[in-house]
Amino acid sequence: MALSLVGGALLNLPQLFPAAGNLLKMAGFVGGASMLTRVNLYLILEIALLYGHDIDDQARVPEMMSVVAASGLAATSPFLMDALDWSPATAIPAAALTASAVSKLIGEAAIALYQGRQEAVVAGEEILAGPLAARVAPA
């Protein structure tokens, strides 16, 4: 959570120095966005691993793409702050809180997804190990 706050703050930090120019603003955007994306990718991969899923499986690719897209949307908060003409002093906490909220939502969605998949696998194994398995098994 702390890394999400720092990443969100980095997104708007260059806005405090208007004379710094667009290069510094883009560097802050790229740095903050890459930090948020990396944190969120590690988050879902650790959650997948906790629920017994193979993190090297190709099934993780669409999930990781969704995380990159969500992190990218969170990283656009500086542009929204500029469009609303918010003061940079208020935009930094707003961006930090936005990044933290997105990370929290990604984590909760990953827990629900992987927990549901694990329960489905366990339920499937129980069905195969139950009385139906005796009828289906070759004699």
N, C-alpha and C. Protein backbone atom coordinates (compact mmCIF):
# COMPACT_ATOMS: atom_id res chain seq x y z
N MET A 1 0.82 -1.18 0.00
CA MET A 1 0.00 0.00 0.00
C MET A 1 0.88 1.26 0.00
N ALA A 2 1.98 1.18 0.73
CA ALA A 2 2.86 2.34 0.80
C ALA A 2 3.49 2.63 -0.57
N LEU A 3 3.83 1.56 -1.30
CA LEU A 3 4.41 1.77 -2.63
C LEU A 3 3.40 2.40 -3.59
N SER A 4 2.13 2.06 -3.43
CA SER A 4 1.10 2.67 -4.27
C SER A 4 0.98 4.16 -3.96
N LEU A 5 1.06 4.51 -2.69
CA LEU A 5 1.01 5.93 -2.32
C LEU A 5 2.19 6.69 -2.91
N VAL A 6 3.38 6.08 -2.82
CA VAL A 6 4.57 6.74 -3.37
C VAL A 6 4.46 6.87 -4.89
N GLY A 7 4.01 5.80 -5.54
CA GLY A 7 3.85 5.84 -7.00
C GLY A 7 2.86 6.90 -7.43
N GLY A 8 1.74 6.99 -6.72
CA GLY A 8 0.75 8.02 -7.04
C GLY A 8 1.28 9.42 -6.81
N ALA A 9 2.06 9.58 -5.75
CA ALA A 9 2.65 10.90 -5.48
C ALA A 9 3.68 11.26 -6.55
N LEU A 10 4.45 10.27 -7.00
CA LEU A 10 5.44 10.53 -8.05
C LEU A 10 4.80 11.01 -9.35
N LEU A 11 3.58 10.54 -9.59
CA LEU A 11 2.89 10.94 -10.82
C LEU A 11 2.68 12.44 -10.89
N ASN A 12 2.40 13.06 -9.76
CA ASN A 12 2.10 14.50 -9.74
C ASN A 12 3.24 15.35 -9.20
N LEU A 13 4.30 14.75 -8.73
CA LEU A 13 5.41 15.53 -8.17
C LEU A 13 5.98 16.56 -9.15
N PRO A 14 6.18 16.22 -10.42
CA PRO A 14 6.71 17.23 -11.34
C PRO A 14 5.77 18.42 -11.56
N GLN A 15 4.49 18.26 -11.22
CA GLN A 15 3.55 19.36 -11.39
C GLN A 15 3.85 20.51 -10.43
N LEU A 16 4.59 20.24 -9.36
CA LEU A 16 4.94 21.29 -8.40
C LEU A 16 5.95 22.28 -8.98
N PHE A 17 6.64 21.86 -10.04
CA PHE A 17 7.66 22.70 -10.64
C PHE A 17 7.27 23.04 -12.08
N PRO A 18 6.41 24.04 -12.26
CA PRO A 18 5.92 24.34 -13.61
C PRO A 18 7.03 24.74 -14.58
N ALA A 19 8.11 25.31 -14.09
CA ALA A 19 9.19 25.74 -14.97
C ALA A 19 10.05 24.57 -15.44
N ALA A 20 9.86 23.40 -14.86
CA ALA A 20 10.69 22.25 -15.21
C ALA A 20 10.43 21.75 -16.62
N GLY A 21 9.26 22.00 -17.12
CA GLY A 21 8.97 21.63 -18.49
C GLY A 21 8.35 20.26 -18.64
N ASN A 22 8.03 19.96 -19.88
CA ASN A 22 7.32 18.72 -20.19
C ASN A 22 8.20 17.49 -20.02
N LEU A 23 9.51 17.63 -20.21
CA LEU A 23 10.39 16.47 -20.08
C LEU A 23 10.34 15.89 -18.67
N LEU A 24 10.42 16.77 -17.67
CA LEU A 24 10.36 16.30 -16.28
C LEU A 24 8.97 15.74 -15.97
N LYS A 25 7.94 16.36 -16.53
CA LYS A 25 6.58 15.86 -16.30
C LYS A 25 6.42 14.46 -16.88
N MET A 26 6.93 14.25 -18.08
CA MET A 26 6.82 12.93 -18.69
C MET A 26 7.67 11.90 -17.95
N ALA A 27 8.84 12.31 -17.46
CA ALA A 27 9.68 11.40 -16.69
C ALA A 27 8.98 10.99 -15.40
N GLY A 28 8.31 11.92 -14.75
CA GLY A 28 7.54 11.59 -13.54
C GLY A 28 6.38 10.68 -13.85
N PHE A 29 5.73 10.93 -14.99
CA PHE A 29 4.61 10.08 -15.39
C PHE A 29 5.08 8.66 -15.68
N VAL A 30 6.14 8.54 -16.44
CA VAL A 30 6.66 7.21 -16.80
C VAL A 30 7.16 6.49 -15.55
N GLY A 31 7.88 7.20 -14.70
CA GLY A 31 8.39 6.58 -13.47
C GLY A 31 7.27 6.12 -12.55
N GLY A 32 6.30 6.96 -12.34
CA GLY A 32 5.18 6.60 -11.47
C GLY A 32 4.34 5.49 -12.05
N ALA A 33 4.06 5.56 -13.35
CA ALA A 33 3.24 4.53 -13.99
C ALA A 33 3.93 3.18 -13.98
N SER A 34 5.23 3.17 -14.25
CA SER A 34 5.95 1.88 -14.24
C SER A 34 6.04 1.31 -12.84
N MET A 35 6.18 2.16 -11.85
CA MET A 35 6.24 1.69 -10.47
C MET A 35 4.89 1.08 -10.06
N LEU A 36 3.80 1.76 -10.39
CA LEU A 36 2.47 1.24 -10.06
C LEU A 36 2.19 -0.07 -10.78
N THR A 37 2.56 -0.14 -12.03
CA THR A 37 2.32 -1.36 -12.81
C THR A 37 3.09 -2.52 -12.21
N ARG A 38 4.34 -2.30 -11.88
CA ARG A 38 5.17 -3.36 -11.32
C ARG A 38 4.64 -3.84 -9.97
N VAL A 39 4.24 -2.91 -9.13
CA VAL A 39 3.69 -3.28 -7.82
C VAL A 39 2.43 -4.11 -7.99
N ASN A 40 1.55 -3.69 -8.89
CA ASN A 40 0.29 -4.41 -9.07
C ASN A 40 0.49 -5.77 -9.73
N LEU A 41 1.45 -5.88 -10.63
CA LEU A 41 1.75 -7.19 -11.23
C LEU A 41 2.29 -8.16 -10.19
N TYR A 42 3.21 -7.68 -9.36
CA TYR A 42 3.72 -8.53 -8.28
C TYR A 42 2.59 -8.94 -7.35
N LEU A 43 1.67 -8.03 -7.09
CA LEU A 43 0.55 -8.31 -6.20
C LEU A 43 -0.28 -9.49 -6.72
N ILE A 44 -0.70 -9.44 -7.98
CA ILE A 44 -1.56 -10.52 -8.47
C ILE A 44 -0.79 -11.83 -8.61
N LEU A 45 0.48 -11.76 -8.95
CA LEU A 45 1.26 -13.00 -9.06
C LEU A 45 1.48 -13.64 -7.69
N GLU A 46 1.68 -12.85 -6.66
CA GLU A 46 1.82 -13.40 -5.32
C GLU A 46 0.50 -14.01 -4.85
N ILE A 47 -0.62 -13.36 -5.16
CA ILE A 47 -1.92 -13.90 -4.78
C ILE A 47 -2.18 -15.20 -5.53
N ALA A 48 -1.85 -15.25 -6.82
CA ALA A 48 -2.03 -16.49 -7.59
C ALA A 48 -1.19 -17.61 -6.99
N LEU A 49 0.03 -17.29 -6.60
CA LEU A 49 0.91 -18.29 -6.02
C LEU A 49 0.37 -18.78 -4.68
N LEU A 50 -0.18 -17.88 -3.89
CA LEU A 50 -0.76 -18.27 -2.60
C LEU A 50 -1.92 -19.24 -2.76
N TYR A 51 -2.67 -19.10 -3.84
CA TYR A 51 -3.80 -19.99 -4.08
C TYR A 51 -3.42 -21.20 -4.94
N GLY A 52 -2.13 -21.42 -5.10
CA GLY A 52 -1.68 -22.64 -5.76
C GLY A 52 -1.69 -22.62 -7.28
N HIS A 53 -1.73 -21.46 -7.89
CA HIS A 53 -1.73 -21.38 -9.35
C HIS A 53 -0.30 -21.20 -9.85
N ASP A 54 -0.02 -21.76 -11.01
CA ASP A 54 1.29 -21.65 -11.62
C ASP A 54 1.44 -20.24 -12.21
N ILE A 55 2.41 -19.49 -11.71
CA ILE A 55 2.57 -18.11 -12.20
C ILE A 55 3.25 -18.05 -13.56
N ASP A 56 3.80 -19.16 -14.01
CA ASP A 56 4.42 -19.21 -15.34
C ASP A 56 3.44 -19.68 -16.41
N ASP A 57 2.22 -20.01 -16.02
CA ASP A 57 1.22 -20.50 -16.95
C ASP A 57 0.76 -19.37 -17.87
N GLN A 58 0.45 -19.71 -19.11
CA GLN A 58 -0.03 -18.71 -20.08
C GLN A 58 -1.37 -18.11 -19.68
N ALA A 59 -2.09 -18.76 -18.77
CA ALA A 59 -3.38 -18.23 -18.30
C ALA A 59 -3.20 -16.93 -17.53
N ARG A 60 -2.00 -16.65 -17.03
CA ARG A 60 -1.76 -15.41 -16.29
C ARG A 60 -1.65 -14.20 -17.22
N VAL A 61 -1.37 -14.42 -18.51
CA VAL A 61 -1.14 -13.30 -19.43
C VAL A 61 -2.35 -12.37 -19.53
N PRO A 62 -3.57 -12.87 -19.78
CA PRO A 62 -4.71 -11.94 -19.85
C PRO A 62 -4.97 -11.23 -18.52
N GLU A 63 -4.71 -11.93 -17.42
CA GLU A 63 -4.88 -11.30 -16.11
C GLU A 63 -3.87 -10.18 -15.91
N MET A 64 -2.65 -10.42 -16.36
CA MET A 64 -1.61 -9.40 -16.23
C MET A 64 -1.90 -8.21 -17.15
N MET A 65 -2.46 -8.48 -18.32
CA MET A 65 -2.82 -7.39 -19.23
C MET A 65 -3.92 -6.52 -18.60
N SER A 66 -4.85 -7.13 -17.90
CA SER A 66 -5.89 -6.38 -17.22
C SER A 66 -5.30 -5.48 -16.13
N VAL A 67 -4.31 -6.00 -15.43
CA VAL A 67 -3.66 -5.22 -14.37
C VAL A 67 -2.89 -4.04 -14.97
N VAL A 68 -2.22 -4.27 -16.09
CA VAL A 68 -1.50 -3.18 -16.75
C VAL A 68 -2.47 -2.08 -17.18
N ALA A 69 -3.63 -2.49 -17.72
CA ALA A 69 -4.63 -1.51 -18.15
C ALA A 69 -5.18 -0.73 -16.96
N ALA A 70 -5.47 -1.41 -15.87
CA ALA A 70 -5.99 -0.72 -14.68
C ALA A 70 -4.94 0.21 -14.09
N SER A 71 -3.69 -0.22 -14.08
CA SER A 71 -2.62 0.63 -13.57
C SER A 71 -2.43 1.85 -14.47
N GLY A 72 -2.59 1.66 -15.77
CA GLY A 72 -2.49 2.77 -16.71
C GLY A 72 -3.59 3.80 -16.49
N LEU A 73 -4.79 3.32 -16.20
CA LEU A 73 -5.88 4.25 -15.91
C LEU A 73 -5.61 5.04 -14.64
N ALA A 74 -5.05 4.37 -13.63
CA ALA A 74 -4.72 5.08 -12.39
C ALA A 74 -3.62 6.10 -12.63
N ALA A 75 -2.73 5.79 -13.56
CA ALA A 75 -1.61 6.70 -13.84
C ALA A 75 -2.05 7.95 -14.60
N THR A 76 -3.24 7.95 -15.15
CA THR A 76 -3.70 9.14 -15.87
C THR A 76 -4.28 10.21 -14.96
N SER A 77 -4.26 9.97 -13.66
CA SER A 77 -4.83 10.95 -12.74
C SER A 77 -4.17 12.34 -12.82
N PRO A 78 -2.87 12.46 -13.11
CA PRO A 78 -2.32 13.82 -13.26
C PRO A 78 -2.98 14.60 -14.40
N PHE A 79 -3.33 13.90 -15.47
CA PHE A 79 -3.98 14.60 -16.59
C PHE A 79 -5.38 15.04 -16.21
N LEU A 80 -6.05 14.24 -15.39
CA LEU A 80 -7.37 14.63 -14.90
C LEU A 80 -7.25 15.84 -13.98
N MET A 81 -6.23 15.85 -13.15
CA MET A 81 -6.02 16.98 -12.24
C MET A 81 -5.73 18.26 -13.02
N ASP A 82 -4.97 18.14 -14.10
CA ASP A 82 -4.71 19.30 -14.96
C ASP A 82 -5.99 19.78 -15.62
N ALA A 83 -6.81 18.85 -16.07
CA ALA A 83 -8.07 19.23 -16.74
C ALA A 83 -9.02 19.92 -15.77
N LEU A 84 -8.97 19.53 -14.50
CA LEU A 84 -9.83 20.16 -13.49
C LEU A 84 -9.22 21.41 -12.87
N ASP A 85 -7.99 21.75 -13.28
CA ASP A 85 -7.26 22.90 -12.74
C ASP A 85 -7.12 22.85 -11.23
N TRP A 86 -6.82 21.68 -10.71
CA TRP A 86 -6.58 21.55 -9.28
C TRP A 86 -5.18 22.03 -8.96
N SER A 87 -5.01 22.52 -7.78
CA SER A 87 -3.69 22.94 -7.32
C SER A 87 -2.81 21.70 -7.19
N PRO A 88 -1.53 21.82 -7.56
CA PRO A 88 -0.64 20.66 -7.41
C PRO A 88 -0.56 20.16 -5.97
N ALA A 89 -0.77 21.03 -5.01
CA ALA A 89 -0.71 20.60 -3.61
C ALA A 89 -1.86 19.65 -3.27
N THR A 90 -3.01 19.81 -3.90
CA THR A 90 -4.12 18.90 -3.66
C THR A 90 -4.10 17.73 -4.63
N ALA A 91 -3.47 17.91 -5.76
CA ALA A 91 -3.44 16.85 -6.77
C ALA A 91 -2.56 15.68 -6.34
N ILE A 92 -1.49 15.96 -5.61
CA ILE A 92 -0.58 14.88 -5.19
C ILE A 92 -1.27 13.91 -4.25
N PRO A 93 -1.94 14.38 -3.19
CA PRO A 93 -2.65 13.40 -2.35
C PRO A 93 -3.79 12.69 -3.10
N ALA A 94 -4.45 13.40 -4.00
CA ALA A 94 -5.53 12.75 -4.77
C ALA A 94 -4.98 11.65 -5.66
N ALA A 95 -3.86 11.88 -6.30
CA ALA A 95 -3.25 10.85 -7.14
C ALA A 95 -2.74 9.69 -6.31
N ALA A 96 -2.17 9.98 -5.15
CA ALA A 96 -1.69 8.90 -4.28
C ALA A 96 -2.85 8.03 -3.79
N LEU A 97 -3.94 8.67 -3.42
CA LEU A 97 -5.11 7.90 -2.96
C LEU A 97 -5.74 7.11 -4.11
N THR A 98 -5.75 7.69 -5.31
CA THR A 98 -6.27 6.98 -6.47
C THR A 98 -5.44 5.73 -6.75
N ALA A 99 -4.13 5.86 -6.71
CA ALA A 99 -3.25 4.71 -6.96
C ALA A 99 -3.44 3.64 -5.89
N SER A 100 -3.60 4.06 -4.64
CA SER A 100 -3.82 3.09 -3.57
C SER A 100 -5.16 2.38 -3.72
N ALA A 101 -6.18 3.13 -4.10
CA ALA A 101 -7.50 2.53 -4.30
C ALA A 101 -7.49 1.52 -5.44
N VAL A 102 -6.80 1.85 -6.52
CA VAL A 102 -6.72 0.91 -7.65
C VAL A 102 -5.96 -0.35 -7.23
N SER A 103 -4.89 -0.20 -6.48
CA SER A 103 -4.15 -1.39 -6.01
C SER A 103 -5.01 -2.25 -5.10
N LYS A 104 -5.78 -1.61 -4.24
CA LYS A 104 -6.68 -2.35 -3.35
C LYS A 104 -7.73 -3.10 -4.15
N LEU A 105 -8.31 -2.45 -5.15
CA LEU A 105 -9.31 -3.11 -5.98
C LEU A 105 -8.72 -4.27 -6.78
N ILE A 106 -7.52 -4.08 -7.30
CA ILE A 106 -6.85 -5.15 -8.04
C ILE A 106 -6.59 -6.34 -7.12
N GLY A 107 -6.12 -6.07 -5.92
CA GLY A 107 -5.86 -7.15 -4.96
C GLY A 107 -7.11 -7.91 -4.58
N GLU A 108 -8.19 -7.17 -4.30
CA GLU A 108 -9.45 -7.83 -3.94
C GLU A 108 -10.01 -8.65 -5.10
N ALA A 109 -9.90 -8.12 -6.30
CA ALA A 109 -10.38 -8.86 -7.48
C ALA A 109 -9.55 -10.12 -7.70
N ALA A 110 -8.24 -10.02 -7.50
CA ALA A 110 -7.36 -11.19 -7.67
C ALA A 110 -7.68 -12.25 -6.63
N ILE A 111 -7.92 -11.84 -5.40
CA ILE A 111 -8.27 -12.81 -4.35
C ILE A 111 -9.57 -13.52 -4.71
N ALA A 112 -10.56 -12.76 -5.13
CA ALA A 112 -11.85 -13.37 -5.50
C ALA A 112 -11.68 -14.32 -6.68
N LEU A 113 -10.91 -13.92 -7.68
CA LEU A 113 -10.71 -14.76 -8.86
C LEU A 113 -9.99 -16.06 -8.53
N TYR A 114 -8.85 -15.96 -7.87
CA TYR A 114 -8.05 -17.15 -7.60
C TYR A 114 -8.68 -18.02 -6.53
N GLN A 115 -9.35 -17.43 -5.57
CA GLN A 115 -10.04 -18.21 -4.55
C GLN A 115 -11.20 -18.99 -5.18
N GLY A 116 -11.93 -18.33 -6.08
CA GLY A 116 -13.03 -19.01 -6.77
C GLY A 116 -12.52 -20.16 -7.63
N ARG A 117 -11.40 -19.95 -8.31
CA ARG A 117 -10.83 -21.03 -9.13
C ARG A 117 -10.37 -22.19 -8.27
N GLN A 118 -9.77 -21.88 -7.12
CA GLN A 118 -9.30 -22.94 -6.24
C GLN A 118 -10.49 -23.73 -5.69
N GLU A 119 -11.57 -23.05 -5.32
CA GLU A 119 -12.75 -23.74 -4.81
C GLU A 119 -13.38 -24.61 -5.90
N ALA A 120 -13.35 -24.13 -7.14
CA ALA A 120 -13.90 -24.93 -8.24
C ALA A 120 -13.06 -26.19 -8.47
N VAL A 121 -11.76 -26.06 -8.36
CA VAL A 121 -10.88 -27.23 -8.54
C VAL A 121 -11.10 -28.22 -7.40
N VAL A 122 -11.20 -27.71 -6.18
CA VAL A 122 -11.42 -28.59 -5.03
C VAL A 122 -12.77 -29.28 -5.16
N ALA A 123 -13.79 -28.54 -5.56
CA ALA A 123 -15.12 -29.13 -5.74
C ALA A 123 -15.09 -30.19 -6.84
N GLY A 124 -14.37 -29.95 -7.91
CA GLY A 124 -14.24 -30.93 -8.98
C GLY A 124 -13.56 -32.20 -8.52
N GLU A 125 -12.53 -32.06 -7.68
CA GLU A 125 -11.84 -33.23 -7.15
C GLU A 125 -12.74 -34.02 -6.22
N GLU A 126 -13.59 -33.32 -5.44
CA GLU A 126 -14.51 -34.02 -4.55
C GLU A 126 -15.53 -34.80 -5.35
N ILE A 127 -15.98 -34.24 -6.46
CA ILE A 127 -16.94 -34.94 -7.31
C ILE A 127 -16.30 -36.19 -7.88
N LEU A 128 -15.06 -36.07 -8.35
CA LEU A 128 -14.38 -37.22 -8.94
C LEU A 128 -14.03 -38.28 -7.90
N ALA A 129 -13.85 -37.88 -6.64
CA ALA A 129 -13.50 -38.83 -5.60
C ALA A 129 -14.73 -39.41 -4.92
N GLY A 130 -15.91 -38.90 -5.22
CA GLY A 130 -17.14 -39.33 -4.56
C GLY A 130 -17.73 -40.58 -5.18
N PRO A 131 -19.01 -40.84 -4.90
CA PRO A 131 -19.67 -42.05 -5.39
C PRO A 131 -19.75 -42.11 -6.91
N LEU A 132 -19.77 -40.96 -7.56
CA LEU A 132 -19.84 -40.95 -9.01
C LEU A 132 -18.59 -41.60 -9.61
N ALA A 133 -17.45 -41.42 -8.96
CA ALA A 133 -16.19 -41.96 -9.47
C ALA A 133 -16.24 -43.49 -9.51
N ALA A 134 -16.93 -44.09 -8.56
CA ALA A 134 -17.03 -45.56 -8.53
C ALA A 134 -17.83 -46.06 -9.74
N ARG A 135 -18.84 -45.28 -10.17
CA ARG A 135 -19.64 -45.69 -11.32
C ARG A 135 -18.92 -45.45 -12.62
N VAL A 136 -18.09 -44.41 -12.67
CA VAL A 136 -17.42 -44.04 -13.91
C VAL A 136 -16.14 -44.83 -14.09
N ALA A 137 -15.50 -45.21 -13.01
CA ALA A 137 -14.19 -45.89 -13.10
C ALA A 137 -14.34 -47.23 -13.80
N PRO A 138 -13.37 -47.56 -14.64
CA PRO A 138 -13.43 -48.86 -15.32
C PRO A 138 -13.26 -50.00 -14.33
N ALA A 139 -13.96 -51.06 -14.56
CA ALA A 139 -13.93 -52.20 -13.64
C ALA A 139 -12.81 -53.14 -13.93
